[in-house]
């Protein structure tokens, strides 16, 4: 795939699909030369996919209130 995944597009994917995409972008990053357009796209995709995964997992771990001082 060439191009960058958008946040809106990633919101439609399941957690399993996001993890698979993340792994494929890791391979794409390793296969590209640093400084190349493919390398930059892979880095951007990794960042976007990681954000989508974190947003998907965040509600599962609610923040507990701390001690009152």
Protein backbone atom coordinates (compact mmCIF):
# COMPACT_ATOMS: atom_id res chain seq x y z
CA UNK A 1 0.00 0.00 0.00
CA UNK A 2 1.26 3.41 -0.75
CA UNK A 3 -0.07 6.45 1.01
CA UNK A 4 -0.91 7.29 4.57
CA UNK A 5 -3.82 5.95 6.59
CA UNK A 6 -6.10 8.68 7.93
CA UNK A 7 -7.44 8.77 11.47
CA UNK A 8 -11.00 8.51 10.15
CA UNK A 9 -10.15 5.42 8.13
CA UNK A 10 -8.38 3.74 11.05
CA UNK A 11 -11.39 4.27 13.34
CA UNK A 12 -13.37 1.85 11.20
CA UNK A 13 -10.92 -1.04 11.70
CA UNK A 14 -11.02 -3.66 14.44
CA UNK A 15 -8.24 -3.89 17.00
CA UNK A 16 -6.94 -7.07 15.33
CA UNK A 17 -6.84 -5.35 11.93
CA UNK A 18 -5.01 -2.35 13.45
CA UNK A 19 -2.41 -4.63 15.00
CA UNK A 20 -1.91 -6.39 11.67
CA UNK A 21 -1.51 -3.07 9.87
CA UNK A 22 0.99 -1.93 12.49
CA UNK A 23 3.06 -5.05 11.94
CA UNK A 24 2.98 -4.66 8.15
CA UNK A 25 4.12 -1.05 8.47
CA UNK A 26 7.00 -2.16 10.69
CA UNK A 27 8.16 -4.45 7.88
CA UNK A 28 7.68 -1.67 5.35
CA UNK A 29 9.78 0.66 7.51
CA UNK A 30 12.59 -1.88 7.74
CA UNK A 31 12.53 -2.48 3.98
CA UNK A 32 12.79 1.22 3.08
CA UNK A 33 15.79 3.48 3.00
CA UNK A 34 15.94 6.20 5.66
CA UNK A 35 14.98 9.54 4.14
CA UNK A 36 12.95 7.99 1.32
CA UNK A 37 9.27 8.83 0.80
CA UNK A 38 8.36 5.21 1.64
CA UNK A 39 10.22 5.50 4.95
CA UNK A 40 8.37 8.71 5.84
CA UNK A 41 5.00 7.20 4.95
CA UNK A 42 5.72 4.10 7.03
CA UNK A 43 6.67 6.27 10.02
CA UNK A 44 3.52 8.38 9.64
CA UNK A 45 1.39 5.23 9.35
CA UNK A 46 2.99 3.72 12.46
CA UNK A 47 2.23 6.89 14.40
CA UNK A 48 -1.38 7.04 13.19
CA UNK A 49 -2.01 3.34 13.79
CA UNK A 50 -0.44 3.48 17.27
CA UNK A 51 -2.72 6.41 18.13
CA UNK A 52 -5.78 4.48 16.88
CA UNK A 53 -4.78 1.42 18.93
CA UNK A 54 -4.26 3.53 22.05
CA UNK A 55 -7.62 5.24 21.62
CA UNK A 56 -9.28 1.85 21.23
CA UNK A 57 -7.63 0.50 24.40
CA UNK A 58 -7.98 3.61 26.58
CA UNK A 59 -11.62 3.07 27.62
CA UNK A 60 -10.73 -0.41 28.88
CA UNK A 61 -8.50 1.07 31.56
CA UNK A 62 -10.34 3.93 33.30
CA UNK A 63 -8.31 6.37 35.35
CA UNK A 64 -8.95 5.93 39.05
CA UNK A 65 -9.08 9.02 41.20
CA UNK A 66 -5.99 9.51 43.30
CA UNK A 67 -5.76 10.33 46.97
CA UNK A 68 -7.27 13.61 48.09
CA UNK A 69 -4.76 15.98 49.61
